[in-house]
Amino acid sequence: ELTLEGRSLPENPNIFYDPLFQWADQCSLEKINFSLKLEYFNTASSKQIFTLIKRFINNPRVKEIMVKWHYEEGDLDSMEMGQQYQQLLHIPFEYIEVPETEF
């Protein structure tokens, strides 16, 4: 289970996400549950998150990936971003609407 939670707007996203990319490339688990519980992420982070998921997909040892996309109640933009990722990546996503008070 890999969880990204909170806000993602690092000054240099490459420095932050590079260790995660390396882990994804070297991961020997057959099944990955990737939970995204991000209240906010900027455009640079969005690209890095997409790349991270692709690296799991391209890892031949990983056979199954499930993305759990948490979004704040009523935040259709966030939900639609997850749907765009799902269409581009062709893997299952579970959408979890979270009340604003719990996000």
N, C-alpha and C. Protein backbone atom coordinates (compact mmCIF):
# COMPACT_ATOMS: atom_id res chain seq x y z
N GLU A 1 0.86 -1.18 0.00
CA GLU A 1 0.00 0.00 0.00
C GLU A 1 0.90 1.23 0.00
N LEU A 2 0.74 2.04 -1.01
CA LEU A 2 1.43 3.32 -1.11
C LEU A 2 0.38 4.41 -1.01
N THR A 3 0.59 5.36 -0.11
CA THR A 3 -0.37 6.44 0.07
C THR A 3 0.34 7.78 -0.06
N LEU A 4 -0.20 8.63 -0.91
CA LEU A 4 0.21 10.03 -0.97
C LEU A 4 -0.95 10.82 -0.38
N GLU A 5 -0.65 11.60 0.65
CA GLU A 5 -1.71 12.28 1.38
C GLU A 5 -1.29 13.71 1.69
N GLY A 6 -2.27 14.61 1.63
CA GLY A 6 -2.02 16.01 2.01
C GLY A 6 -2.03 16.92 0.79
N ARG A 7 -0.98 17.71 0.68
CA ARG A 7 -0.84 18.65 -0.43
C ARG A 7 0.49 18.37 -1.12
N SER A 8 0.50 18.43 -2.45
CA SER A 8 1.73 18.20 -3.19
C SER A 8 2.02 19.40 -4.07
N LEU A 9 2.92 20.24 -3.61
CA LEU A 9 3.36 21.37 -4.40
C LEU A 9 4.82 21.68 -4.10
N PRO A 10 5.69 20.65 -4.23
CA PRO A 10 7.09 20.87 -3.92
C PRO A 10 7.72 21.86 -4.90
N GLU A 11 8.71 22.58 -4.39
CA GLU A 11 9.42 23.55 -5.22
C GLU A 11 10.10 22.85 -6.39
N ASN A 12 10.70 21.69 -6.09
CA ASN A 12 11.32 20.89 -7.14
C ASN A 12 10.74 19.49 -7.08
N PRO A 13 9.70 19.23 -7.87
CA PRO A 13 9.03 17.92 -7.80
C PRO A 13 9.94 16.76 -8.17
N ASN A 14 10.93 16.99 -9.01
CA ASN A 14 11.84 15.89 -9.37
C ASN A 14 12.59 15.36 -8.16
N ILE A 15 13.05 16.26 -7.30
CA ILE A 15 13.77 15.83 -6.10
C ILE A 15 12.85 15.04 -5.18
N PHE A 16 11.61 15.49 -5.03
CA PHE A 16 10.68 14.79 -4.15
C PHE A 16 10.28 13.43 -4.71
N TYR A 17 9.91 13.38 -5.99
CA TYR A 17 9.35 12.16 -6.56
C TYR A 17 10.39 11.15 -7.04
N ASP A 18 11.64 11.56 -7.25
CA ASP A 18 12.65 10.64 -7.76
C ASP A 18 12.81 9.38 -6.90
N PRO A 19 12.88 9.47 -5.56
CA PRO A 19 12.96 8.23 -4.78
C PRO A 19 11.75 7.31 -4.96
N LEU A 20 10.58 7.90 -5.18
CA LEU A 20 9.39 7.07 -5.43
C LEU A 20 9.49 6.38 -6.79
N PHE A 21 10.03 7.09 -7.79
CA PHE A 21 10.24 6.48 -9.11
C PHE A 21 11.19 5.29 -9.00
N GLN A 22 12.27 5.49 -8.27
CA GLN A 22 13.25 4.41 -8.10
C GLN A 22 12.60 3.21 -7.41
N TRP A 23 11.80 3.48 -6.39
CA TRP A 23 11.12 2.40 -5.68
C TRP A 23 10.17 1.66 -6.62
N ALA A 24 9.41 2.42 -7.42
CA ALA A 24 8.47 1.81 -8.36
C ALA A 24 9.20 0.93 -9.37
N ASP A 25 10.34 1.38 -9.83
CA ASP A 25 11.12 0.60 -10.81
C ASP A 25 11.66 -0.68 -10.20
N GLN A 26 12.01 -0.65 -8.91
CA GLN A 26 12.63 -1.79 -8.25
C GLN A 26 11.64 -2.66 -7.48
N CYS A 27 10.42 -2.24 -7.41
CA CYS A 27 9.40 -2.93 -6.63
C CYS A 27 9.26 -4.38 -7.10
N SER A 28 9.22 -5.31 -6.14
CA SER A 28 9.07 -6.71 -6.51
C SER A 28 7.71 -7.27 -6.07
N LEU A 29 6.82 -6.39 -5.64
CA LEU A 29 5.48 -6.83 -5.25
C LEU A 29 4.63 -7.08 -6.48
N GLU A 30 3.77 -8.07 -6.41
CA GLU A 30 2.89 -8.36 -7.55
C GLU A 30 1.67 -7.45 -7.57
N LYS A 31 1.25 -6.98 -6.40
CA LYS A 31 0.04 -6.17 -6.31
C LYS A 31 0.35 -4.86 -5.58
N ILE A 32 -0.09 -3.75 -6.15
CA ILE A 32 0.10 -2.43 -5.56
C ILE A 32 -1.26 -1.77 -5.38
N ASN A 33 -1.53 -1.33 -4.16
CA ASN A 33 -2.67 -0.47 -3.89
C ASN A 33 -2.12 0.94 -3.68
N PHE A 34 -2.49 1.83 -4.56
CA PHE A 34 -1.97 3.19 -4.53
C PHE A 34 -3.10 4.14 -4.18
N SER A 35 -3.06 4.70 -2.97
CA SER A 35 -4.10 5.61 -2.50
C SER A 35 -3.63 7.04 -2.63
N LEU A 36 -4.42 7.83 -3.32
CA LEU A 36 -4.15 9.26 -3.45
C LEU A 36 -5.19 10.01 -2.65
N LYS A 37 -4.73 10.66 -1.60
CA LYS A 37 -5.62 11.43 -0.72
C LYS A 37 -5.10 12.87 -0.70
N LEU A 38 -5.03 13.46 -1.88
CA LEU A 38 -4.44 14.78 -1.99
C LEU A 38 -5.50 15.87 -2.00
N GLU A 39 -5.41 16.72 -1.02
CA GLU A 39 -6.30 17.87 -0.93
C GLU A 39 -6.03 18.82 -2.10
N TYR A 40 -4.75 18.94 -2.47
CA TYR A 40 -4.35 19.80 -3.58
C TYR A 40 -3.05 19.28 -4.16
N PHE A 41 -2.91 19.34 -5.48
CA PHE A 41 -1.63 19.08 -6.12
C PHE A 41 -1.53 19.98 -7.34
N ASN A 42 -0.33 20.53 -7.54
CA ASN A 42 -0.13 21.46 -8.65
C ASN A 42 0.14 20.68 -9.94
N THR A 43 0.28 21.41 -11.03
CA THR A 43 0.47 20.79 -12.35
C THR A 43 1.73 19.94 -12.40
N ALA A 44 2.81 20.46 -11.82
CA ALA A 44 4.07 19.70 -11.82
C ALA A 44 3.90 18.38 -11.06
N SER A 45 3.20 18.42 -9.94
CA SER A 45 2.95 17.19 -9.17
C SER A 45 2.06 16.23 -9.95
N SER A 46 1.09 16.77 -10.66
CA SER A 46 0.19 15.94 -11.45
C SER A 46 0.98 15.11 -12.46
N LYS A 47 1.93 15.74 -13.12
CA LYS A 47 2.76 15.04 -14.09
C LYS A 47 3.60 13.96 -13.40
N GLN A 48 4.11 14.26 -12.23
CA GLN A 48 4.94 13.30 -11.50
C GLN A 48 4.10 12.10 -11.03
N ILE A 49 2.89 12.37 -10.56
CA ILE A 49 2.01 11.29 -10.11
C ILE A 49 1.66 10.37 -11.28
N PHE A 50 1.35 10.97 -12.42
CA PHE A 50 1.06 10.18 -13.61
C PHE A 50 2.26 9.31 -13.98
N THR A 51 3.45 9.89 -13.94
CA THR A 51 4.67 9.16 -14.26
C THR A 51 4.91 8.04 -13.25
N LEU A 52 4.64 8.29 -11.99
CA LEU A 52 4.81 7.26 -10.96
C LEU A 52 3.93 6.05 -11.25
N ILE A 53 2.67 6.30 -11.57
CA ILE A 53 1.76 5.20 -11.88
C ILE A 53 2.26 4.44 -13.11
N LYS A 54 2.70 5.17 -14.14
CA LYS A 54 3.22 4.52 -15.35
C LYS A 54 4.43 3.66 -15.05
N ARG A 55 5.25 4.08 -14.11
CA ARG A 55 6.43 3.29 -13.78
C ARG A 55 6.04 1.97 -13.11
N PHE A 56 4.99 2.00 -12.31
CA PHE A 56 4.48 0.74 -11.76
C PHE A 56 3.95 -0.14 -12.89
N ILE A 57 3.21 0.46 -13.81
CA ILE A 57 2.65 -0.29 -14.94
C ILE A 57 3.78 -0.93 -15.76
N ASN A 58 4.86 -0.21 -15.95
CA ASN A 58 5.97 -0.70 -16.78
C ASN A 58 6.91 -1.65 -16.05
N ASN A 59 6.71 -1.83 -14.75
CA ASN A 59 7.52 -2.76 -13.98
C ASN A 59 6.97 -4.17 -14.23
N PRO A 60 7.74 -5.05 -14.84
CA PRO A 60 7.21 -6.37 -15.20
C PRO A 60 6.86 -7.25 -13.99
N ARG A 61 7.39 -6.94 -12.81
CA ARG A 61 7.08 -7.74 -11.62
C ARG A 61 5.72 -7.37 -11.04
N VAL A 62 5.26 -6.18 -11.31
CA VAL A 62 3.97 -5.73 -10.78
C VAL A 62 2.88 -6.22 -11.75
N LYS A 63 2.00 -7.07 -11.23
CA LYS A 63 0.96 -7.68 -12.08
C LYS A 63 -0.39 -6.98 -11.94
N GLU A 64 -0.60 -6.32 -10.80
CA GLU A 64 -1.91 -5.72 -10.54
C GLU A 64 -1.72 -4.39 -9.81
N ILE A 65 -2.40 -3.37 -10.31
CA ILE A 65 -2.36 -2.04 -9.69
C ILE A 65 -3.79 -1.56 -9.50
N MET A 66 -4.10 -1.11 -8.31
CA MET A 66 -5.39 -0.49 -8.02
C MET A 66 -5.12 0.90 -7.47
N VAL A 67 -5.71 1.89 -8.10
CA VAL A 67 -5.58 3.27 -7.63
C VAL A 67 -6.87 3.63 -6.90
N LYS A 68 -6.71 4.07 -5.67
CA LYS A 68 -7.84 4.57 -4.88
C LYS A 68 -7.74 6.09 -4.88
N TRP A 69 -8.64 6.72 -5.60
CA TRP A 69 -8.61 8.17 -5.82
C TRP A 69 -9.60 8.83 -4.87
N HIS A 70 -9.09 9.41 -3.81
CA HIS A 70 -9.92 10.11 -2.83
C HIS A 70 -10.08 11.56 -3.29
N TYR A 71 -11.29 12.06 -3.23
CA TYR A 71 -11.53 13.45 -3.60
C TYR A 71 -12.55 14.04 -2.64
N GLU A 72 -12.40 15.34 -2.45
CA GLU A 72 -13.29 16.04 -1.52
C GLU A 72 -14.71 16.10 -2.07
N GLU A 73 -15.65 15.91 -1.18
CA GLU A 73 -17.07 15.94 -1.53
C GLU A 73 -17.37 17.16 -2.40
N GLY A 74 -17.94 16.91 -3.58
CA GLY A 74 -18.33 17.97 -4.49
C GLY A 74 -17.21 18.49 -5.38
N ASP A 75 -15.99 18.01 -5.22
CA ASP A 75 -14.85 18.48 -6.03
C ASP A 75 -14.79 17.65 -7.31
N LEU A 76 -15.64 18.03 -8.25
CA LEU A 76 -15.73 17.28 -9.50
C LEU A 76 -14.47 17.40 -10.34
N ASP A 77 -13.74 18.53 -10.21
CA ASP A 77 -12.49 18.69 -10.96
C ASP A 77 -11.49 17.60 -10.57
N SER A 78 -11.38 17.34 -9.28
CA SER A 78 -10.46 16.31 -8.81
C SER A 78 -10.91 14.93 -9.29
N MET A 79 -12.18 14.65 -9.19
CA MET A 79 -12.70 13.37 -9.65
C MET A 79 -12.43 13.20 -11.15
N GLU A 80 -12.66 14.25 -11.93
CA GLU A 80 -12.43 14.19 -13.37
C GLU A 80 -10.96 13.99 -13.71
N MET A 81 -10.07 14.55 -12.90
CA MET A 81 -8.64 14.33 -13.12
C MET A 81 -8.33 12.85 -12.96
N GLY A 82 -8.88 12.22 -11.94
CA GLY A 82 -8.70 10.79 -11.76
C GLY A 82 -9.25 10.00 -12.94
N GLN A 83 -10.39 10.40 -13.45
CA GLN A 83 -10.98 9.72 -14.60
C GLN A 83 -10.11 9.87 -15.85
N GLN A 84 -9.49 11.03 -16.00
CA GLN A 84 -8.57 11.22 -17.14
C GLN A 84 -7.37 10.30 -17.02
N TYR A 85 -6.80 10.21 -15.82
CA TYR A 85 -5.69 9.29 -15.59
C TYR A 85 -6.11 7.87 -15.93
N GLN A 86 -7.29 7.49 -15.46
CA GLN A 86 -7.76 6.12 -15.68
C GLN A 86 -7.89 5.83 -17.18
N GLN A 87 -8.42 6.77 -17.93
CA GLN A 87 -8.58 6.57 -19.38
C GLN A 87 -7.23 6.44 -20.07
N LEU A 88 -6.26 7.22 -19.62
CA LEU A 88 -4.94 7.19 -20.25
C LEU A 88 -4.12 5.97 -19.85
N LEU A 89 -4.32 5.49 -18.62
CA LEU A 89 -3.49 4.42 -18.09
C LEU A 89 -4.10 3.03 -18.24
N HIS A 90 -5.41 2.96 -18.43
CA HIS A 90 -6.11 1.68 -18.63
C HIS A 90 -5.92 0.72 -17.46
N ILE A 91 -6.05 1.23 -16.25
CA ILE A 91 -6.01 0.40 -15.04
C ILE A 91 -7.20 0.78 -14.18
N PRO A 92 -7.59 -0.11 -13.26
CA PRO A 92 -8.77 0.19 -12.43
C PRO A 92 -8.51 1.29 -11.40
N PHE A 93 -9.49 2.15 -11.25
CA PHE A 93 -9.50 3.20 -10.24
C PHE A 93 -10.75 3.02 -9.40
N GLU A 94 -10.62 3.27 -8.13
CA GLU A 94 -11.77 3.33 -7.23
C GLU A 94 -11.88 4.78 -6.76
N TYR A 95 -13.06 5.35 -6.91
CA TYR A 95 -13.26 6.76 -6.53
C TYR A 95 -13.96 6.81 -5.18
N ILE A 96 -13.35 7.55 -4.28
CA ILE A 96 -13.85 7.63 -2.90
C ILE A 96 -14.10 9.08 -2.55
N GLU A 97 -15.37 9.43 -2.46
CA GLU A 97 -15.74 10.79 -2.09
C GLU A 97 -15.65 10.94 -0.58
N VAL A 98 -14.90 11.94 -0.14
CA VAL A 98 -14.63 12.15 1.29
C VAL A 98 -15.26 13.46 1.72
N PRO A 99 -16.02 13.46 2.83
CA PRO A 99 -16.60 14.71 3.33
C PRO A 99 -15.49 15.74 3.60
N GLU A 100 -15.80 16.99 3.36
CA GLU A 100 -14.83 18.08 3.52
C GLU A 100 -14.19 18.06 4.91
N THR A 101 -14.96 17.72 5.90
CA THR A 101 -14.45 17.73 7.29
C THR A 101 -13.43 16.62 7.54
N GLU A 102 -13.38 15.60 6.68
CA GLU A 102 -12.46 14.49 6.88
C GLU A 102 -11.26 14.55 5.95
N PHE A 103 -11.23 15.50 5.04
CA PHE A 103 -10.16 15.53 4.05
C PHE A 103 -8.92 16.17 4.56
